[in-house]
Amino acid sequence: MTAPHAQEKQMSNSSSITQFLLLPFTDTRELQLLHFWLFLGIYLAALLGNGLIITTIAWDQHLHTPMYFFLLNLALLDLGCISTTLPKSMANSLWDTRAISYSGCAVQVFLFLFFISADLCLLTIMSYDRYVAICKPLHYGTLLGSRACVHMAAAAWATGFLNALLHTANTFSLPLCKGNALGQFFCEIPQILKLSCSDDFLKEAGLIVVSV
């Protein structure tokens, strides 16, 4: 029995999980290194693209409009989202490991939910911005003034934070007794719920549906 499988079996018989095992892309060392370089390229491209968006909008006075202000926030959220998942996956591929600590998994779940939730809220706000610009152009300056834009962006970030806090706390309060192997290359709630030995996981699944 290999070390990861022995470790997984040991965890399944324990009421206290100290780490999770993430889904590996492959067991072949050459392909693991290929995945590392592929993810590194994707990550650097995301950093460069979103970094250029943020820098351009911040420095160009002509782009200090509601839509570009929201786009700047969207770029920040996208950077946070990809920085939550890819670096750990890259490290696992590079060092030939699957493990992530319990606290590290909780932090990853929280941050991923936070950035994704805020991202969706911000996209909704940007849709409203386009609606006002097209259907109510004479009221655009009033409805989407600088103060209103800041308040809406802050509301998107706050909503993402509260949503992530609720689901993370609820998920990690459940007892886990079905091993510690996750069927995903990063920590996410549906995979963690599969390890729960409590019927309360139905409540969390319901909360996810409602929040969506």
N, C-alpha and C. Protein backbone atom coordinates (compact mmCIF):
# COMPACT_ATOMS: atom_id res chain seq x y z
N MET A 1 0.85 -1.20 0.00
CA MET A 1 0.00 0.00 0.00
C MET A 1 0.89 1.25 0.00
N THR A 2 0.60 2.17 -0.90
CA THR A 2 1.42 3.38 -1.01
C THR A 2 1.18 4.28 0.18
N ALA A 3 2.11 5.20 0.39
CA ALA A 3 2.02 6.10 1.54
C ALA A 3 0.75 6.93 1.54
N PRO A 4 0.36 7.55 0.38
CA PRO A 4 -0.86 8.36 0.37
C PRO A 4 -2.11 7.55 0.72
N HIS A 5 -2.18 6.28 0.19
CA HIS A 5 -3.35 5.46 0.47
C HIS A 5 -3.38 5.04 1.93
N ALA A 6 -2.21 4.73 2.48
CA ALA A 6 -2.15 4.37 3.90
C ALA A 6 -2.55 5.54 4.77
N GLN A 7 -2.09 6.71 4.37
CA GLN A 7 -2.43 7.92 5.12
C GLN A 7 -3.92 8.20 5.04
N GLU A 8 -4.50 7.99 3.83
CA GLU A 8 -5.93 8.22 3.64
C GLU A 8 -6.74 7.27 4.51
N LYS A 9 -6.32 6.00 4.59
CA LYS A 9 -7.04 5.02 5.40
C LYS A 9 -6.96 5.38 6.87
N GLN A 10 -5.78 5.84 7.29
CA GLN A 10 -5.62 6.24 8.67
C GLN A 10 -6.54 7.40 9.02
N MET A 11 -6.66 8.36 8.11
CA MET A 11 -7.50 9.52 8.34
C MET A 11 -8.96 9.13 8.40
N SER A 12 -9.36 8.16 7.59
CA SER A 12 -10.77 7.78 7.54
C SER A 12 -11.21 7.16 8.85
N ASN A 13 -10.24 6.60 9.62
CA ASN A 13 -10.58 5.99 10.89
C ASN A 13 -10.42 6.96 12.05
N SER A 14 -10.11 8.17 11.72
CA SER A 14 -9.89 9.18 12.76
C SER A 14 -11.02 10.19 12.75
N SER A 15 -11.38 10.65 13.94
CA SER A 15 -12.45 11.65 14.04
C SER A 15 -11.90 13.06 13.87
N SER A 16 -10.57 13.18 13.85
CA SER A 16 -9.94 14.50 13.72
C SER A 16 -9.04 14.49 12.50
N ILE A 17 -9.42 15.25 11.48
CA ILE A 17 -8.63 15.33 10.25
C ILE A 17 -7.68 16.52 10.34
N THR A 18 -6.42 16.26 10.12
CA THR A 18 -5.42 17.34 10.19
C THR A 18 -5.02 17.84 8.81
N GLN A 19 -5.30 17.04 7.77
CA GLN A 19 -5.00 17.48 6.42
C GLN A 19 -5.89 16.74 5.42
N PHE A 20 -5.96 17.29 4.22
CA PHE A 20 -6.72 16.68 3.14
C PHE A 20 -5.75 16.30 2.02
N LEU A 21 -6.18 15.34 1.21
CA LEU A 21 -5.41 14.93 0.04
C LEU A 21 -6.13 15.40 -1.21
N LEU A 22 -5.48 16.26 -1.96
CA LEU A 22 -6.08 16.81 -3.17
C LEU A 22 -5.95 15.83 -4.34
N LEU A 23 -6.78 16.01 -5.34
CA LEU A 23 -6.77 15.14 -6.51
C LEU A 23 -5.52 15.42 -7.35
N PRO A 24 -4.69 14.40 -7.59
CA PRO A 24 -3.52 14.62 -8.45
C PRO A 24 -3.91 14.53 -9.92
N PHE A 25 -3.23 15.28 -10.75
CA PHE A 25 -3.52 15.21 -12.18
C PHE A 25 -2.93 13.94 -12.79
N THR A 26 -1.79 13.53 -12.25
CA THR A 26 -1.13 12.33 -12.76
C THR A 26 -0.11 11.85 -11.74
N ASP A 27 0.26 10.58 -11.84
CA ASP A 27 1.30 10.03 -10.97
C ASP A 27 2.65 10.00 -11.67
N THR A 28 2.66 10.37 -12.96
CA THR A 28 3.91 10.38 -13.72
C THR A 28 4.67 11.67 -13.47
N ARG A 29 5.93 11.54 -13.06
CA ARG A 29 6.72 12.71 -12.66
C ARG A 29 6.87 13.70 -13.81
N GLU A 30 7.09 13.21 -15.01
CA GLU A 30 7.28 14.10 -16.15
C GLU A 30 6.02 14.93 -16.42
N LEU A 31 4.85 14.29 -16.30
CA LEU A 31 3.60 15.01 -16.52
C LEU A 31 3.31 15.98 -15.38
N GLN A 32 3.74 15.65 -14.17
CA GLN A 32 3.58 16.57 -13.06
C GLN A 32 4.36 17.86 -13.31
N LEU A 33 5.57 17.72 -13.81
CA LEU A 33 6.37 18.91 -14.13
C LEU A 33 5.77 19.69 -15.29
N LEU A 34 5.18 18.96 -16.24
CA LEU A 34 4.50 19.63 -17.35
C LEU A 34 3.32 20.44 -16.85
N HIS A 35 2.56 19.87 -15.91
CA HIS A 35 1.43 20.59 -15.32
C HIS A 35 1.92 21.83 -14.58
N PHE A 36 3.06 21.69 -13.89
CA PHE A 36 3.60 22.85 -13.16
C PHE A 36 3.91 24.00 -14.11
N TRP A 37 4.60 23.71 -15.20
CA TRP A 37 4.97 24.77 -16.15
C TRP A 37 3.74 25.32 -16.87
N LEU A 38 2.76 24.46 -17.14
CA LEU A 38 1.52 24.92 -17.77
C LEU A 38 0.76 25.87 -16.85
N PHE A 39 0.61 25.48 -15.59
CA PHE A 39 -0.09 26.33 -14.63
C PHE A 39 0.69 27.61 -14.36
N LEU A 40 2.02 27.52 -14.36
CA LEU A 40 2.84 28.71 -14.16
C LEU A 40 2.61 29.70 -15.29
N GLY A 41 2.54 29.19 -16.53
CA GLY A 41 2.27 30.06 -17.66
C GLY A 41 0.90 30.72 -17.57
N ILE A 42 -0.11 29.94 -17.19
CA ILE A 42 -1.46 30.48 -17.04
C ILE A 42 -1.50 31.53 -15.93
N TYR A 43 -0.83 31.24 -14.83
CA TYR A 43 -0.83 32.16 -13.69
C TYR A 43 -0.13 33.47 -14.04
N LEU A 44 1.02 33.38 -14.69
CA LEU A 44 1.75 34.59 -15.07
C LEU A 44 0.96 35.41 -16.09
N ALA A 45 0.28 34.73 -17.01
CA ALA A 45 -0.55 35.43 -18.00
C ALA A 45 -1.69 36.17 -17.31
N ALA A 46 -2.30 35.52 -16.29
CA ALA A 46 -3.39 36.15 -15.54
C ALA A 46 -2.87 37.35 -14.75
N LEU A 47 -1.70 37.20 -14.14
CA LEU A 47 -1.11 38.32 -13.40
C LEU A 47 -0.80 39.48 -14.32
N LEU A 48 -0.24 39.17 -15.48
CA LEU A 48 0.13 40.23 -16.43
C LEU A 48 -1.11 40.92 -16.98
N GLY A 49 -2.09 40.14 -17.42
CA GLY A 49 -3.29 40.72 -18.02
C GLY A 49 -4.07 41.59 -17.05
N ASN A 50 -4.34 41.03 -15.86
CA ASN A 50 -5.10 41.81 -14.88
C ASN A 50 -4.27 42.96 -14.32
N GLY A 51 -2.96 42.76 -14.20
CA GLY A 51 -2.10 43.84 -13.75
C GLY A 51 -2.10 45.02 -14.71
N LEU A 52 -2.10 44.73 -16.01
CA LEU A 52 -2.16 45.79 -17.01
C LEU A 52 -3.49 46.53 -16.95
N ILE A 53 -4.56 45.80 -16.74
CA ILE A 53 -5.89 46.43 -16.63
C ILE A 53 -5.92 47.38 -15.44
N ILE A 54 -5.44 46.89 -14.31
CA ILE A 54 -5.45 47.71 -13.07
C ILE A 54 -4.59 48.95 -13.24
N THR A 55 -3.38 48.75 -13.77
CA THR A 55 -2.45 49.88 -13.93
C THR A 55 -2.97 50.92 -14.92
N THR A 56 -3.50 50.43 -16.04
CA THR A 56 -4.00 51.36 -17.06
C THR A 56 -5.16 52.19 -16.54
N ILE A 57 -6.11 51.53 -15.88
CA ILE A 57 -7.28 52.26 -15.37
C ILE A 57 -6.88 53.23 -14.27
N ALA A 58 -5.94 52.81 -13.43
CA ALA A 58 -5.53 53.66 -12.30
C ALA A 58 -4.80 54.92 -12.78
N TRP A 59 -4.02 54.83 -13.88
CA TRP A 59 -3.20 55.95 -14.31
C TRP A 59 -3.84 56.83 -15.37
N ASP A 60 -4.79 56.29 -16.12
CA ASP A 60 -5.41 57.06 -17.19
C ASP A 60 -6.66 57.78 -16.67
N GLN A 61 -6.61 59.08 -16.61
CA GLN A 61 -7.72 59.88 -16.10
C GLN A 61 -8.98 59.72 -16.95
N HIS A 62 -8.81 59.45 -18.24
CA HIS A 62 -9.96 59.29 -19.13
C HIS A 62 -10.75 58.01 -18.84
N LEU A 63 -10.14 57.10 -18.11
CA LEU A 63 -10.81 55.83 -17.79
C LEU A 63 -11.43 55.83 -16.40
N HIS A 64 -11.44 56.99 -15.76
CA HIS A 64 -12.04 57.07 -14.43
C HIS A 64 -13.56 57.28 -14.56
N THR A 65 -14.20 56.24 -15.10
CA THR A 65 -15.65 56.22 -15.28
C THR A 65 -16.22 55.03 -14.51
N PRO A 66 -17.53 55.01 -14.27
CA PRO A 66 -18.12 53.90 -13.50
C PRO A 66 -17.77 52.52 -14.04
N MET A 67 -17.92 52.30 -15.35
CA MET A 67 -17.67 50.98 -15.91
C MET A 67 -16.22 50.54 -15.70
N TYR A 68 -15.27 51.43 -15.92
CA TYR A 68 -13.87 51.07 -15.75
C TYR A 68 -13.51 50.94 -14.27
N PHE A 69 -14.19 51.67 -13.42
CA PHE A 69 -13.99 51.50 -11.98
C PHE A 69 -14.41 50.09 -11.55
N PHE A 70 -15.55 49.64 -12.06
CA PHE A 70 -16.00 48.29 -11.76
C PHE A 70 -15.08 47.25 -12.39
N LEU A 71 -14.57 47.55 -13.58
CA LEU A 71 -13.65 46.64 -14.26
C LEU A 71 -12.36 46.49 -13.47
N LEU A 72 -11.89 47.57 -12.86
CA LEU A 72 -10.70 47.51 -12.01
C LEU A 72 -10.94 46.59 -10.82
N ASN A 73 -12.10 46.72 -10.20
CA ASN A 73 -12.44 45.84 -9.08
C ASN A 73 -12.54 44.40 -9.53
N LEU A 74 -13.10 44.18 -10.72
CA LEU A 74 -13.23 42.83 -11.26
C LEU A 74 -11.85 42.21 -11.49
N ALA A 75 -10.91 43.00 -11.97
CA ALA A 75 -9.55 42.50 -12.20
C ALA A 75 -8.89 42.11 -10.88
N LEU A 76 -9.12 42.90 -9.84
CA LEU A 76 -8.58 42.58 -8.51
C LEU A 76 -9.16 41.26 -8.00
N LEU A 77 -10.46 41.07 -8.18
CA LEU A 77 -11.11 39.85 -7.73
C LEU A 77 -10.62 38.64 -8.52
N ASP A 78 -10.43 38.81 -9.81
CA ASP A 78 -9.91 37.72 -10.64
C ASP A 78 -8.51 37.32 -10.21
N LEU A 79 -7.69 38.31 -9.88
CA LEU A 79 -6.34 38.01 -9.39
C LEU A 79 -6.41 37.23 -8.08
N GLY A 80 -7.29 37.65 -7.20
CA GLY A 80 -7.43 36.94 -5.92
C GLY A 80 -7.92 35.52 -6.11
N CYS A 81 -8.85 35.33 -7.02
CA CYS A 81 -9.43 34.00 -7.25
C CYS A 81 -8.39 33.03 -7.77
N ILE A 82 -7.65 33.43 -8.79
CA ILE A 82 -6.67 32.52 -9.38
C ILE A 82 -5.47 32.32 -8.45
N SER A 83 -5.17 33.33 -7.62
CA SER A 83 -4.07 33.20 -6.66
C SER A 83 -4.44 32.29 -5.50
N THR A 84 -5.71 32.01 -5.32
CA THR A 84 -6.16 31.14 -4.24
C THR A 84 -5.97 29.67 -4.59
N THR A 85 -6.09 29.31 -5.86
CA THR A 85 -6.10 27.91 -6.25
C THR A 85 -4.81 27.46 -6.96
N LEU A 86 -4.34 28.23 -7.92
CA LEU A 86 -3.22 27.76 -8.75
C LEU A 86 -1.89 27.60 -8.01
N PRO A 87 -1.46 28.54 -7.16
CA PRO A 87 -0.16 28.36 -6.51
C PRO A 87 -0.02 27.06 -5.73
N LYS A 88 -1.05 26.66 -5.00
CA LYS A 88 -0.99 25.41 -4.25
C LYS A 88 -0.92 24.22 -5.18
N SER A 89 -1.69 24.25 -6.26
CA SER A 89 -1.65 23.16 -7.23
C SER A 89 -0.28 23.08 -7.90
N MET A 90 0.30 24.23 -8.19
CA MET A 90 1.64 24.26 -8.77
C MET A 90 2.67 23.68 -7.81
N ALA A 91 2.56 24.04 -6.54
CA ALA A 91 3.51 23.53 -5.54
C ALA A 91 3.37 22.01 -5.39
N ASN A 92 2.14 21.50 -5.39
CA ASN A 92 1.93 20.06 -5.27
C ASN A 92 2.51 19.31 -6.46
N SER A 93 2.35 19.87 -7.67
CA SER A 93 2.90 19.23 -8.85
C SER A 93 4.43 19.26 -8.83
N LEU A 94 4.99 20.36 -8.35
CA LEU A 94 6.44 20.51 -8.34
C LEU A 94 7.09 19.59 -7.31
N TRP A 95 6.46 19.49 -6.12
CA TRP A 95 7.05 18.72 -5.03
C TRP A 95 6.46 17.32 -4.90
N ASP A 96 5.62 16.93 -5.86
CA ASP A 96 5.06 15.56 -5.89
C ASP A 96 4.35 15.22 -4.58
N THR A 97 3.39 16.06 -4.21
CA THR A 97 2.61 15.82 -3.00
C THR A 97 1.15 16.13 -3.27
N ARG A 98 0.26 15.64 -2.42
CA ARG A 98 -1.17 15.89 -2.55
C ARG A 98 -1.73 16.62 -1.35
N ALA A 99 -0.96 16.77 -0.30
CA ALA A 99 -1.48 17.21 0.99
C ALA A 99 -1.70 18.72 1.06
N ILE A 100 -2.76 19.07 1.79
CA ILE A 100 -3.00 20.45 2.19
C ILE A 100 -3.54 20.40 3.62
N SER A 101 -3.05 21.26 4.47
CA SER A 101 -3.46 21.22 5.88
C SER A 101 -4.94 21.56 6.03
N TYR A 102 -5.50 21.15 7.16
CA TYR A 102 -6.92 21.42 7.44
C TYR A 102 -7.19 22.92 7.44
N SER A 103 -6.32 23.67 8.14
CA SER A 103 -6.51 25.13 8.18
C SER A 103 -6.27 25.75 6.82
N GLY A 104 -5.28 25.22 6.08
CA GLY A 104 -5.02 25.73 4.74
C GLY A 104 -6.19 25.50 3.81
N CYS A 105 -6.85 24.35 3.96
CA CYS A 105 -8.03 24.04 3.16
C CYS A 105 -9.17 25.01 3.50
N ALA A 106 -9.35 25.27 4.80
CA ALA A 106 -10.41 26.19 5.23
C ALA A 106 -10.17 27.59 4.68
N VAL A 107 -8.92 28.03 4.71
CA VAL A 107 -8.58 29.35 4.18
C VAL A 107 -8.82 29.40 2.67
N GLN A 108 -8.44 28.32 1.98
CA GLN A 108 -8.64 28.27 0.53
C GLN A 108 -10.12 28.31 0.17
N VAL A 109 -10.94 27.56 0.91
CA VAL A 109 -12.39 27.57 0.68
C VAL A 109 -12.95 28.96 0.90
N PHE A 110 -12.55 29.59 2.00
CA PHE A 110 -13.07 30.93 2.31
C PHE A 110 -12.69 31.94 1.24
N LEU A 111 -11.41 31.98 0.88
CA LEU A 111 -10.95 32.97 -0.10
C LEU A 111 -11.57 32.73 -1.47
N PHE A 112 -11.66 31.46 -1.88
CA PHE A 112 -12.25 31.16 -3.18
C PHE A 112 -13.71 31.60 -3.23
N LEU A 113 -14.46 31.29 -2.17
CA LEU A 113 -15.87 31.70 -2.11
C LEU A 113 -15.99 33.22 -2.05
N PHE A 114 -15.10 33.85 -1.30
CA PHE A 114 -15.12 35.30 -1.16
C PHE A 114 -14.95 35.99 -2.51
N PHE A 115 -13.90 35.58 -3.23
CA PHE A 115 -13.62 36.23 -4.52
C PHE A 115 -14.67 35.90 -5.57
N ILE A 116 -15.13 34.65 -5.60
CA ILE A 116 -16.15 34.25 -6.58
C ILE A 116 -17.47 34.96 -6.31
N SER A 117 -17.89 35.01 -5.05
CA SER A 117 -19.16 35.65 -4.69
C SER A 117 -19.13 37.14 -5.00
N ALA A 118 -18.04 37.79 -4.60
CA ALA A 118 -17.90 39.22 -4.90
C ALA A 118 -17.84 39.47 -6.40
N ASP A 119 -17.19 38.55 -7.12
CA ASP A 119 -17.10 38.65 -8.57
C ASP A 119 -18.48 38.63 -9.21
N LEU A 120 -19.32 37.69 -8.78
CA LEU A 120 -20.67 37.58 -9.33
C LEU A 120 -21.51 38.81 -8.99
N CYS A 121 -21.36 39.30 -7.78
CA CYS A 121 -22.08 40.52 -7.39
C CYS A 121 -21.65 41.70 -8.25
N LEU A 122 -20.35 41.79 -8.50
CA LEU A 122 -19.83 42.90 -9.30
C LEU A 122 -20.31 42.81 -10.75
N LEU A 123 -20.39 41.59 -11.28
CA LEU A 123 -20.91 41.43 -12.64
C LEU A 123 -22.37 41.86 -12.73
N THR A 124 -23.12 41.60 -11.66
CA THR A 124 -24.51 42.06 -11.62
C THR A 124 -24.58 43.59 -11.63
N ILE A 125 -23.69 44.21 -10.86
CA ILE A 125 -23.64 45.68 -10.82
C ILE A 125 -23.25 46.25 -12.18
N MET A 126 -22.31 45.59 -12.85
CA MET A 126 -21.89 46.06 -14.18
C MET A 126 -23.02 45.91 -15.19
N SER A 127 -23.85 44.89 -15.02
CA SER A 127 -25.03 44.75 -15.89
C SER A 127 -26.00 45.90 -15.65
N TYR A 128 -26.15 46.27 -14.39
CA TYR A 128 -27.02 47.42 -14.05
C TYR A 128 -26.46 48.71 -14.65
N ASP A 129 -25.14 48.85 -14.61
CA ASP A 129 -24.50 50.02 -15.21
C ASP A 129 -24.82 50.14 -16.69
N ARG A 130 -24.74 49.01 -17.42
CA ARG A 130 -25.06 49.03 -18.86
C ARG A 130 -26.54 49.28 -19.10
N TYR A 131 -27.38 48.76 -18.20
CA TYR A 131 -28.83 48.99 -18.34
C TYR A 131 -29.14 50.48 -18.22
N VAL A 132 -28.56 51.12 -17.21
CA VAL A 132 -28.80 52.55 -17.02
C VAL A 132 -28.25 53.36 -18.19
N ALA A 133 -27.05 52.98 -18.67
CA ALA A 133 -26.43 53.71 -19.76
C ALA A 133 -27.26 53.63 -21.04
N ILE A 134 -27.92 52.50 -21.26
CA ILE A 134 -28.69 52.30 -22.49
C ILE A 134 -30.13 52.79 -22.36
N CYS A 135 -30.76 52.45 -21.25
CA CYS A 135 -32.20 52.73 -21.10
C CYS A 135 -32.49 54.06 -20.41
N LYS A 136 -31.57 54.53 -19.58
CA LYS A 136 -31.80 55.79 -18.87
C LYS A 136 -30.56 56.68 -18.93
N PRO A 137 -30.13 57.04 -20.12
CA PRO A 137 -28.88 57.80 -20.26
C PRO A 137 -28.93 59.19 -19.59
N LEU A 138 -30.11 59.80 -19.55
CA LEU A 138 -30.22 61.13 -18.94
C LEU A 138 -30.04 61.08 -17.42
N HIS A 139 -30.27 59.91 -16.82
CA HIS A 139 -30.15 59.76 -15.36
C HIS A 139 -28.86 59.04 -14.97
N TYR A 140 -27.99 58.79 -15.94
CA TYR A 140 -26.79 58.00 -15.67
C TYR A 140 -25.89 58.67 -14.62
N GLY A 141 -25.66 59.97 -14.77
CA GLY A 141 -24.80 60.67 -13.83
C GLY A 141 -25.34 60.69 -12.42
N THR A 142 -26.68 60.69 -12.30
CA THR A 142 -27.30 60.71 -10.98
C THR A 142 -27.28 59.34 -10.32
N LEU A 143 -27.66 58.32 -11.09
CA LEU A 143 -27.76 56.96 -10.54
C LEU A 143 -26.40 56.32 -10.31
N LEU A 144 -25.41 56.72 -11.11
CA LEU A 144 -24.09 56.10 -11.01
C LEU A 144 -23.00 57.15 -10.82
N GLY A 145 -23.22 57.98 -9.82
CA GLY A 145 -22.20 58.95 -9.44
C GLY A 145 -21.04 58.25 -8.74
N SER A 146 -19.97 58.98 -8.47
CA SER A 146 -18.77 58.39 -7.88
C SER A 146 -19.06 57.76 -6.52
N ARG A 147 -19.88 58.45 -5.71
CA ARG A 147 -20.19 57.91 -4.38
C ARG A 147 -21.04 56.65 -4.49
N ALA A 148 -21.99 56.65 -5.40
CA ALA A 148 -22.85 55.47 -5.60
C ALA A 148 -22.02 54.27 -6.07
N CYS A 149 -21.06 54.53 -6.96
CA CYS A 149 -20.21 53.45 -7.47
C CYS A 149 -19.36 52.83 -6.36
N VAL A 150 -18.81 53.69 -5.51
CA VAL A 150 -18.00 53.20 -4.39
C VAL A 150 -18.85 52.36 -3.45
N HIS A 151 -20.07 52.84 -3.17
CA HIS A 151 -20.97 52.09 -2.28
C HIS A 151 -21.35 50.74 -2.87
N MET A 152 -21.62 50.70 -4.17
CA MET A 152 -22.00 49.44 -4.81
C MET A 152 -20.83 48.46 -4.84
N ALA A 153 -19.63 48.96 -5.12
CA ALA A 153 -18.46 48.09 -5.13
C ALA A 153 -18.18 47.55 -3.73
N ALA A 154 -18.30 48.42 -2.72
CA ALA A 154 -18.09 47.99 -1.33
C ALA A 154 -19.13 46.95 -0.93
N ALA A 155 -20.36 47.13 -1.40
CA ALA A 155 -21.42 46.16 -1.11
C ALA A 155 -21.11 44.82 -1.73
N ALA A 156 -20.54 44.81 -2.94
CA ALA A 156 -20.17 43.55 -3.59
C ALA A 156 -19.09 42.82 -2.80
N TRP A 157 -18.06 43.55 -2.36
CA TRP A 157 -16.99 42.94 -1.56
C TRP A 157 -17.53 42.44 -0.22
N ALA A 158 -18.39 43.23 0.42
CA ALA A 158 -18.94 42.84 1.72
C ALA A 158 -19.85 41.62 1.59
N THR A 159 -20.64 41.57 0.52
CA THR A 159 -21.52 40.42 0.30
C THR A 159 -20.70 39.15 0.09
N GLY A 160 -19.63 39.28 -0.68
CA GLY A 160 -18.75 38.13 -0.89
C GLY A 160 -18.12 37.65 0.41
N PHE A 161 -17.71 38.58 1.25
CA PHE A 161 -17.10 38.22 2.54
C PHE A 161 -18.09 37.49 3.43
N LEU A 162 -19.29 38.04 3.56
CA LEU A 162 -20.30 37.42 4.43
C LEU A 162 -20.74 36.06 3.91
N ASN A 163 -20.90 35.95 2.60
CA ASN A 163 -21.29 34.68 2.01
C ASN A 163 -20.22 33.61 2.23
N ALA A 164 -18.96 34.00 2.04
CA ALA A 164 -17.86 33.06 2.25
C ALA A 164 -17.75 32.66 3.71
N LEU A 165 -17.91 33.62 4.61
CA LEU A 165 -17.83 33.33 6.04
C LEU A 165 -18.92 32.36 6.47
N LEU A 166 -20.12 32.56 5.99
CA LEU A 166 -21.25 31.70 6.34
C LEU A 166 -21.01 30.26 5.88
N HIS A 167 -20.66 30.07 4.61
CA HIS A 167 -20.50 28.73 4.07
C HIS A 167 -19.26 28.02 4.61
N THR A 168 -18.18 28.77 4.81
CA THR A 168 -16.96 28.15 5.34
C THR A 168 -17.17 27.67 6.77
N ALA A 169 -17.77 28.52 7.60
CA ALA A 169 -18.01 28.14 8.99
C ALA A 169 -18.98 26.96 9.07
N ASN A 170 -20.00 26.97 8.25
CA ASN A 170 -20.99 25.90 8.27
C ASN A 170 -20.39 24.58 7.79
N THR A 171 -19.58 24.64 6.75
CA THR A 171 -18.98 23.43 6.19
C THR A 171 -17.99 22.79 7.15
N PHE A 172 -17.11 23.58 7.74
CA PHE A 172 -16.07 23.02 8.59
C PHE A 172 -16.54 22.76 10.02
N SER A 173 -17.81 23.01 10.28
CA SER A 173 -18.38 22.61 11.58
C SER A 173 -18.96 21.20 11.50
N LEU A 174 -19.05 20.63 10.28
CA LEU A 174 -19.60 19.30 10.11
C LEU A 174 -18.56 18.24 10.48
N PRO A 175 -18.98 17.14 11.09
CA PRO A 175 -18.05 16.03 11.37
C PRO A 175 -17.71 15.29 10.08
N LEU A 176 -16.44 14.99 9.90
CA LEU A 176 -15.98 14.30 8.70
C LEU A 176 -15.44 12.92 9.08
N CYS A 177 -15.97 11.88 8.44
CA CYS A 177 -15.55 10.53 8.81
C CYS A 177 -15.44 9.60 7.60
N LYS A 178 -15.41 10.16 6.41
CA LYS A 178 -15.32 9.32 5.21
C LYS A 178 -14.01 9.54 4.47
N GLY A 179 -12.94 9.56 5.24
CA GLY A 179 -11.62 9.75 4.64
C GLY A 179 -11.24 11.22 4.55
N ASN A 180 -10.18 11.47 3.83
CA ASN A 180 -9.71 12.85 3.68
C ASN A 180 -9.29 13.17 2.25
N ALA A 181 -9.69 12.31 1.30
CA ALA A 181 -9.34 12.53 -0.11
C ALA A 181 -10.42 13.33 -0.81
N LEU A 182 -10.02 14.42 -1.46
CA LEU A 182 -10.95 15.28 -2.20
C LEU A 182 -10.83 15.00 -3.69
N GLY A 183 -11.95 14.99 -4.36
CA GLY A 183 -11.97 14.74 -5.80
C GLY A 183 -11.80 15.99 -6.62
N GLN A 184 -10.91 16.87 -6.20
CA GLN A 184 -10.65 18.13 -6.91
C GLN A 184 -9.23 18.56 -6.59
N PHE A 185 -8.61 19.36 -7.48
CA PHE A 185 -7.23 19.76 -7.25
C PHE A 185 -7.11 20.95 -6.30
N PHE A 186 -8.26 21.45 -5.83
CA PHE A 186 -8.25 22.46 -4.77
C PHE A 186 -9.44 22.20 -3.86
N CYS A 187 -9.44 22.82 -2.70
CA CYS A 187 -10.52 22.60 -1.72
C CYS A 187 -11.78 23.33 -2.15
N GLU A 188 -12.89 22.61 -2.21
CA GLU A 188 -14.18 23.22 -2.49
C GLU A 188 -15.25 22.51 -1.67
N ILE A 189 -16.31 23.23 -1.37
CA ILE A 189 -17.33 22.73 -0.45
C ILE A 189 -17.98 21.43 -0.90
N PRO A 190 -18.43 21.27 -2.15
CA PRO A 190 -19.09 20.00 -2.53
C PRO A 190 -18.24 18.77 -2.26
N GLN A 191 -16.92 18.87 -2.47
CA GLN A 191 -16.05 17.74 -2.22
C GLN A 191 -15.90 17.46 -0.73
N ILE A 192 -15.87 18.50 0.08
CA ILE A 192 -15.76 18.32 1.53
C ILE A 192 -17.05 17.74 2.09
N LEU A 193 -18.19 18.15 1.55
CA LEU A 193 -19.47 17.62 2.02
C LEU A 193 -19.58 16.11 1.78
N LYS A 194 -18.90 15.61 0.76
CA LYS A 194 -18.93 14.17 0.49
C LYS A 194 -18.25 13.37 1.60
N LEU A 195 -17.42 14.03 2.39
CA LEU A 195 -16.72 13.36 3.48
C LEU A 195 -17.48 13.42 4.79
N SER A 196 -18.59 14.13 4.80
CA SER A 196 -19.34 14.32 6.04
C SER A 196 -20.11 13.06 6.41
N CYS A 197 -20.15 12.77 7.71
CA CYS A 197 -20.91 11.63 8.20
C CYS A 197 -22.18 12.11 8.92
N SER A 198 -22.56 13.36 8.69
CA SER A 198 -23.73 13.95 9.31
C SER A 198 -24.76 14.33 8.26
N ASP A 199 -26.03 14.21 8.61
CA ASP A 199 -27.09 14.62 7.70
C ASP A 199 -27.17 16.13 7.57
N ASP A 200 -26.41 16.84 8.39
CA ASP A 200 -26.44 18.30 8.33
C ASP A 200 -25.86 18.83 7.02
N PHE A 201 -25.15 17.94 6.28
CA PHE A 201 -24.57 18.41 5.02
C PHE A 201 -25.68 18.82 4.05
N LEU A 202 -26.90 18.28 4.25
CA LEU A 202 -28.03 18.67 3.40
C LEU A 202 -28.38 20.14 3.62
N LYS A 203 -28.21 20.61 4.85
CA LYS A 203 -28.49 22.01 5.14
C LYS A 203 -27.51 22.91 4.39
N GLU A 204 -26.22 22.51 4.40
CA GLU A 204 -25.22 23.31 3.70
C GLU A 204 -25.47 23.29 2.20
N ALA A 205 -25.84 22.11 1.68
CA ALA A 205 -26.15 22.03 0.25
C ALA A 205 -27.33 22.94 -0.09
N GLY A 206 -28.32 22.98 0.81
CA GLY A 206 -29.46 23.87 0.61
C GLY A 206 -29.06 25.33 0.63
N LEU A 207 -28.14 25.68 1.54
CA LEU A 207 -27.68 27.06 1.63
C LEU A 207 -26.95 27.46 0.36
N ILE A 208 -26.19 26.54 -0.21
CA ILE A 208 -25.47 26.84 -1.45
C ILE A 208 -26.46 27.13 -2.57
N VAL A 209 -27.51 26.29 -2.66
CA VAL A 209 -28.53 26.49 -3.69
C VAL A 209 -29.21 27.84 -3.53
N VAL A 210 -29.55 28.17 -2.29
CA VAL A 210 -30.23 29.45 -2.01
C VAL A 210 -29.33 30.63 -2.36
N SER A 211 -28.04 30.53 -2.00
CA SER A 211 -27.13 31.65 -2.25
C SER A 211 -26.89 31.85 -3.73
N VAL A 212 -26.92 30.75 -4.49
CA VAL A 212 -26.77 30.87 -5.95
C VAL A 212 -27.98 31.56 -6.55
